[in-house]
Amino acid sequence: MRVEQAQGAAITFDRVEKSFAQKGGAPVMALADCSLTVEPGTITGIIGRSGAGKSTLLRMVNGLERPTGAGCWSAGATWARRRAPSCARSAARSA
C-alpha cells in the first residue's frame, strides 16, 4: 500500500496508532487507525469524550509522543516520524 502526504497539507496522520503500557495488564490503546489531514492556514478543533485520545493526538503533533503502531505522520514537507517501511519509501518519493 502506498502512503503519501496529502498535497499541500500542513499535518498528515495516516493510520497512526498509540498505546501505553499498563502495569500488570494489557496495554491501553489511546489511538487506533487514526487518520487526519490539516491544511495550511486552517483552524482545526479536536473534540471528543474524555479518554478519546485528543491530548495524545496533540502530543504527537508537537513531537512529545511517538506512534507505537503502523502509520505515517508529517508536518509540512518534512516527515517527522517513520514507523513502517512503506512510510520511509513514501517519504523518499515525496522529497
C-alpha atoms as a PDB file:
ATOM      1  CA  MET A   1       0.000   0.000   0.000  1.00  0.00           C
ATOM      2  CA  ARG A   2       1.385   3.389  -0.974  1.00  0.00           C
ATOM      3  CA  VAL A   3       1.150   6.062   1.723  1.00  0.00           C
ATOM      4  CA  GLU A   4       1.673   9.703   0.827  1.00  0.00           C
ATOM      5  CA  GLN A   5       1.220  13.063   2.449  1.00  0.00           C
ATOM      6  CA  ALA A   6      -1.844  14.908   1.242  1.00  0.00           C
ATOM      7  CA  GLN A   7      -0.865  17.534  -1.335  1.00  0.00           C
ATOM      8  CA  GLY A   8      -0.012  20.807   0.431  1.00  0.00           C
ATOM      9  CA  ALA A   9      -1.129  19.594   3.869  1.00  0.00           C
ATOM     10  CA  ALA A  10       0.464  21.106   6.965  1.00  0.00           C
ATOM     11  CA  ILE A  11      -0.124  17.934   9.002  1.00  0.00           C
ATOM     12  CA  THR A  12      -0.976  14.428   7.844  1.00  0.00           C
ATOM     13  CA  PHE A  13      -1.547  11.365  10.034  1.00  0.00           C
ATOM     14  CA  ASP A  14      -2.183   8.108   8.218  1.00  0.00           C
ATOM     15  CA  ARG A  15      -3.350   5.099  10.252  1.00  0.00           C
ATOM     16  CA  VAL A  16      -1.407   6.205  13.336  1.00  0.00           C
ATOM     17  CA  GLU A  17      -1.631   4.093  16.480  1.00  0.00           C
ATOM     18  CA  LYS A  18      -0.522   4.801  20.044  1.00  0.00           C
ATOM     19  CA  SER A  19      -0.735   2.509  23.040  1.00  0.00           C
ATOM     20  CA  PHE A  20       0.535   2.846  26.581  1.00  0.00           C
ATOM     21  CA  ALA A  21       1.854   0.068  28.799  1.00  0.00           C
ATOM     22  CA  GLN A  22      -0.226  -0.636  31.867  1.00  0.00           C
ATOM     23  CA  LYS A  23       1.382  -2.102  34.951  1.00  0.00           C
ATOM     24  CA  GLY A  24       0.297  -5.707  35.315  1.00  0.00           C
ATOM     25  CA  GLY A  25      -2.203  -5.611  32.480  1.00  0.00           C
ATOM     26  CA  ALA A  26      -2.842  -5.324  28.793  1.00  0.00           C
ATOM     27  CA  PRO A  27      -1.693  -2.151  27.009  1.00  0.00           C
ATOM     28  CA  VAL A  28      -4.201   0.702  26.751  1.00  0.00           C
ATOM     29  CA  MET A  29      -4.879   1.741  23.136  1.00  0.00           C
ATOM     30  CA  ALA A  30      -5.123   5.543  23.037  1.00  0.00           C
ATOM     31  CA  LEU A  31      -5.302   5.893  19.237  1.00  0.00           C
ATOM     32  CA  ALA A  32      -6.144   3.194  16.709  1.00  0.00           C
ATOM     33  CA  ASP A  33      -6.143   3.644  12.929  1.00  0.00           C
ATOM     34  CA  CYS A  34      -6.195   7.445  13.295  1.00  0.00           C
ATOM     35  CA  SER A  35      -6.081   9.434  10.055  1.00  0.00           C
ATOM     36  CA  LEU A  36      -6.181  13.227   9.869  1.00  0.00           C
ATOM     37  CA  THR A  37      -5.208  15.921   7.364  1.00  0.00           C
ATOM     38  CA  VAL A  38      -4.926  19.591   8.323  1.00  0.00           C
ATOM     39  CA  GLU A  39      -4.486  22.103   5.524  1.00  0.00           C
ATOM     40  CA  PRO A  40      -2.126  25.109   5.933  1.00  0.00           C
ATOM     41  CA  GLY A  41      -3.751  28.232   7.340  1.00  0.00           C
ATOM     42  CA  THR A  42      -6.800  26.448   8.711  1.00  0.00           C
ATOM     43  CA  ILE A  43      -8.029  26.389  12.272  1.00  0.00           C
ATOM     44  CA  THR A  44      -8.843  22.873  13.378  1.00  0.00           C
ATOM     45  CA  GLY A  45     -10.548  21.760  16.575  1.00  0.00           C
ATOM     46  CA  ILE A  46     -10.335  18.283  18.059  1.00  0.00           C
ATOM     47  CA  ILE A  47     -13.362  17.303  20.109  1.00  0.00           C
ATOM     48  CA  GLY A  48     -14.413  14.094  21.784  1.00  0.00           C
ATOM     49  CA  ARG A  49     -15.237  12.372  25.015  1.00  0.00           C
ATOM     50  CA  SER A  50     -12.885  12.110  27.948  1.00  0.00           C
ATOM     51  CA  GLY A  51     -10.266   9.452  27.243  1.00  0.00           C
ATOM     52  CA  ALA A  52     -10.821   9.519  23.473  1.00  0.00           C
ATOM     53  CA  GLY A  53      -7.163  10.355  22.691  1.00  0.00           C
ATOM     54  CA  LYS A  54      -7.399  14.088  21.976  1.00  0.00           C
ATOM     55  CA  SER A  55      -4.417  15.041  24.135  1.00  0.00           C
ATOM     56  CA  THR A  56      -2.395  12.095  22.861  1.00  0.00           C
ATOM     57  CA  LEU A  57      -3.039  13.205  19.282  1.00  0.00           C
ATOM     58  CA  LEU A  58      -1.929  16.763  20.076  1.00  0.00           C
ATOM     59  CA  ARG A  59       1.178  15.479  21.852  1.00  0.00           C
ATOM     60  CA  MET A  60       2.036  13.558  18.698  1.00  0.00           C
ATOM     61  CA  VAL A  61       1.600  16.700  16.578  1.00  0.00           C
ATOM     62  CA  ASN A  62       4.136  18.598  18.688  1.00  0.00           C
ATOM     63  CA  GLY A  63       6.529  15.658  18.996  1.00  0.00           C
ATOM     64  CA  LEU A  64       6.056  14.860  22.684  1.00  0.00           C
ATOM     65  CA  GLU A  65       4.708  11.373  21.861  1.00  0.00           C
ATOM     66  CA  ARG A  66       5.645   8.900  19.153  1.00  0.00           C
ATOM     67  CA  PRO A  67       3.315   6.427  17.445  1.00  0.00           C
ATOM     68  CA  THR A  68       3.624   2.801  18.547  1.00  0.00           C
ATOM     69  CA  GLY A  69       1.872   1.222  15.569  1.00  0.00           C
ATOM     70  CA  ALA A  70       1.939   1.408  11.813  1.00  0.00           C
ATOM     71  CA  GLY A  71       1.280   4.691  10.124  1.00  0.00           C
ATOM     72  CA  CYS A  72       2.999   7.830   8.958  1.00  0.00           C
ATOM     73  CA  TRP A  73       2.730  11.342  10.134  1.00  0.00           C
ATOM     74  CA  SER A  74       4.275  14.526   8.897  1.00  0.00           C
ATOM     75  CA  ALA A  75       4.408  18.254   9.408  1.00  0.00           C
ATOM     76  CA  GLY A  76       4.708  20.283   6.228  1.00  0.00           C
ATOM     77  CA  ALA A  77       7.008  18.719   3.653  1.00  0.00           C
ATOM     78  CA  THR A  78       9.208  17.086   6.298  1.00  0.00           C
ATOM     79  CA  TRP A  79       8.409  13.609   7.607  1.00  0.00           C
ATOM     80  CA  ALA A  80       8.509  13.900  11.370  1.00  0.00           C
ATOM     81  CA  ARG A  81       8.351  10.174  12.190  1.00  0.00           C
ATOM     82  CA  ARG A  82       8.532   6.978  10.160  1.00  0.00           C
ATOM     83  CA  ARG A  83       7.086   3.825  11.701  1.00  0.00           C
ATOM     84  CA  ALA A  84       6.629   1.470   8.763  1.00  0.00           C
ATOM     85  CA  PRO A  85       8.817   0.588   5.742  1.00  0.00           C
ATOM     86  CA  SER A  86       6.181   1.898   3.330  1.00  0.00           C
ATOM     87  CA  CYS A  87       6.372   5.268   5.093  1.00  0.00           C
ATOM     88  CA  ALA A  88      10.113   5.525   4.503  1.00  0.00           C
ATOM     89  CA  ARG A  89       9.636   4.764   0.807  1.00  0.00           C
ATOM     90  CA  SER A  90       6.855   7.364   0.533  1.00  0.00           C
ATOM     91  CA  ALA A  91       8.983   9.978   2.280  1.00  0.00           C
ATOM     92  CA  ALA A  92      11.840   9.354  -0.146  1.00  0.00           C
ATOM     93  CA  ARG A  93       9.478   9.742  -3.128  1.00  0.00           C
ATOM     94  CA  SER A  94       7.965  12.985  -1.817  1.00  0.00           C
ATOM     95  CA  ALA A  95      11.360  14.612  -1.070  1.00  0.00           C
END
